[in-house]
Amino acid sequence: MPRSSKKPRRLVADGRTYMWTVRHGHCVLENGGCRKTLTLRSHPSGTGGLLRFVFDEGPGRYVAGFTTGSGEVGAVGVGALNLHEPGTVRFLLDTALARGWEPGERREAKVDGWTFLEAAVAVRG
């Protein structure tokens, strides 16, 4: 039986455990386009921060639609990533850590996922 994409998955990085999910939604902006959100939570819950990578559909940028069930996000001329792949999630986490995100802080950080895409595609592509 296929794994539910809504069930949190476990990722261990540098001795810390994270739970992560990928969700599909819709932008509340005037274009009403699709959105993919990759959320990582330091585990156990309540002991650390929450990090959300948000990918909003826009000109030259796409996210897989709800009916496809895919975690793909991409940009014309750059490439695409599958947010359901643990290696992609690990790369995004490592990059966020390198840019200063602190998993031990008990707060939510929301970042524009597109600012990570080009580097991730270069490594993961």
Protein backbone atom coordinates (compact mmCIF):
# COMPACT_ATOMS: atom_id res chain seq x y z
CA MET A 1 0.00 0.00 0.00
CA PRO A 2 1.43 3.45 -0.90
CA ARG A 3 2.57 5.72 1.90
CA SER A 4 0.27 8.66 2.65
CA SER A 5 1.86 11.97 1.66
CA LYS A 6 0.05 13.57 4.62
CA LYS A 7 1.66 11.38 7.25
CA PRO A 8 4.77 13.07 8.72
CA ARG A 9 8.04 11.46 7.72
CA ARG A 10 11.17 11.26 9.85
CA LEU A 11 14.55 12.75 8.92
CA VAL A 12 17.67 12.62 11.09
CA ALA A 13 20.32 15.23 10.35
CA ASP A 14 23.41 15.94 12.43
CA GLY A 15 22.01 14.14 15.47
CA ARG A 16 18.68 16.00 15.47
CA THR A 17 15.37 14.43 14.44
CA TYR A 18 12.85 16.28 12.27
CA MET A 19 9.37 15.37 11.13
CA TRP A 20 8.39 16.66 7.67
CA THR A 21 5.34 16.90 5.45
CA VAL A 22 4.46 18.26 2.02
CA ARG A 23 1.09 19.91 1.52
CA HIS A 24 -0.77 21.26 -1.48
CA GLY A 25 -2.80 24.44 -1.15
CA HIS A 26 -3.84 27.56 -2.99
CA CYS A 27 -2.49 31.09 -2.89
CA VAL A 28 -4.77 33.74 -1.53
CA LEU A 29 -3.22 36.21 -3.94
CA GLU A 30 -5.11 37.58 -6.92
CA ASN A 31 -3.91 34.75 -9.19
CA GLY A 32 -5.34 32.03 -6.92
CA GLY A 33 -2.62 29.66 -8.10
CA CYS A 34 -1.35 26.52 -6.42
CA ARG A 35 1.09 26.32 -3.53
CA LYS A 36 3.34 23.58 -2.17
CA THR A 37 4.57 23.84 1.40
CA LEU A 38 7.33 21.68 2.84
CA THR A 39 7.20 21.84 6.64
CA LEU A 40 9.94 20.58 8.97
CA ARG A 41 9.40 20.40 12.72
CA SER A 42 12.16 19.69 15.19
CA HIS A 43 11.17 16.51 17.04
CA PRO A 44 9.97 15.78 19.63
CA SER A 45 7.28 18.42 19.11
CA GLY A 46 7.53 21.41 21.36
CA THR A 47 11.29 21.24 21.74
CA GLY A 48 12.25 23.29 18.74
CA GLY A 49 11.33 25.33 15.74
CA LEU A 50 9.14 24.96 12.72
CA LEU A 51 10.45 25.69 9.23
CA ARG A 52 8.16 26.16 6.23
CA PHE A 53 9.40 26.33 2.63
CA VAL A 54 6.61 27.91 0.56
CA PHE A 55 6.48 27.54 -3.22
CA ASP A 56 3.74 29.72 -4.75
CA GLU A 57 2.88 29.25 -8.42
CA GLY A 58 3.62 32.31 -10.55
CA PRO A 59 5.03 33.46 -13.88
CA GLY A 60 7.67 30.94 -14.95
CA ARG A 61 7.13 28.89 -11.76
CA TYR A 62 4.93 25.86 -11.31
CA VAL A 63 3.83 23.46 -8.61
CA ALA A 64 2.24 20.10 -9.31
CA GLY A 65 -1.54 20.20 -9.10
CA PHE A 66 -3.68 18.60 -6.44
CA THR A 67 -4.92 15.82 -8.70
CA THR A 68 -1.42 14.60 -9.56
CA GLY A 69 -0.39 14.02 -5.93
CA SER A 70 3.18 14.93 -6.82
CA GLY A 71 5.53 17.10 -4.80
CA GLU A 72 7.17 18.61 -7.86
CA VAL A 73 8.03 22.31 -8.00
CA GLY A 74 9.99 23.96 -10.77
CA ALA A 75 10.95 27.08 -12.64
CA VAL A 76 11.47 27.60 -16.36
CA GLY A 77 15.16 27.68 -17.20
CA VAL A 78 16.17 26.40 -13.74
CA GLY A 79 14.72 22.93 -13.32
CA ALA A 80 12.53 21.04 -10.87
CA LEU A 81 12.62 19.28 -7.51
CA ASN A 82 10.45 16.62 -5.95
CA LEU A 83 9.67 17.65 -2.36
CA HIS A 84 8.78 14.04 -1.50
CA GLU A 85 12.41 12.93 -1.89
CA PRO A 86 14.31 12.76 1.41
CA GLY A 87 17.53 13.94 -0.29
CA THR A 88 15.78 17.10 -1.48
CA VAL A 89 14.40 17.75 2.00
CA ARG A 90 17.84 17.21 3.54
CA PHE A 91 19.46 19.63 1.08
CA LEU A 92 16.84 22.32 1.79
CA LEU A 93 17.27 21.82 5.54
CA ASP A 94 21.06 22.00 5.34
CA THR A 95 20.87 25.16 3.24
CA ALA A 96 18.43 26.80 5.67
CA LEU A 97 20.75 25.92 8.57
CA ALA A 98 23.71 27.42 6.67
CA ARG A 99 21.65 30.59 6.12
CA GLY A 100 21.04 30.94 9.85
CA TRP A 101 17.88 29.04 10.75
CA GLU A 102 18.08 27.79 14.35
CA PRO A 103 16.07 24.58 14.92
CA GLY A 104 16.26 24.97 18.69
CA GLU A 105 14.32 28.26 18.67
CA ARG A 106 10.67 27.72 19.51
CA ARG A 107 9.24 29.77 16.70
CA GLU A 108 8.03 29.40 13.14
CA ALA A 109 10.20 30.44 10.22
CA LYS A 110 8.53 30.80 6.82
CA VAL A 111 10.82 31.13 3.81
CA ASP A 112 10.33 31.60 0.09
CA GLY A 113 11.28 28.19 -1.27
CA TRP A 114 12.12 29.62 -4.67
CA THR A 115 15.24 31.28 -3.20
CA PHE A 116 16.60 27.75 -2.60
CA LEU A 117 15.58 26.19 -5.93
CA GLU A 118 18.55 26.98 -8.16
CA ALA A 119 21.15 25.71 -5.66
CA ALA A 120 19.07 22.60 -4.93
CA VAL A 121 18.63 21.76 -8.61
CA ALA A 122 22.37 22.21 -9.21
CA VAL A 123 23.15 19.66 -6.48
CA ARG A 124 20.13 17.33 -6.75
CA GLY A 125 19.46 17.67 -10.49
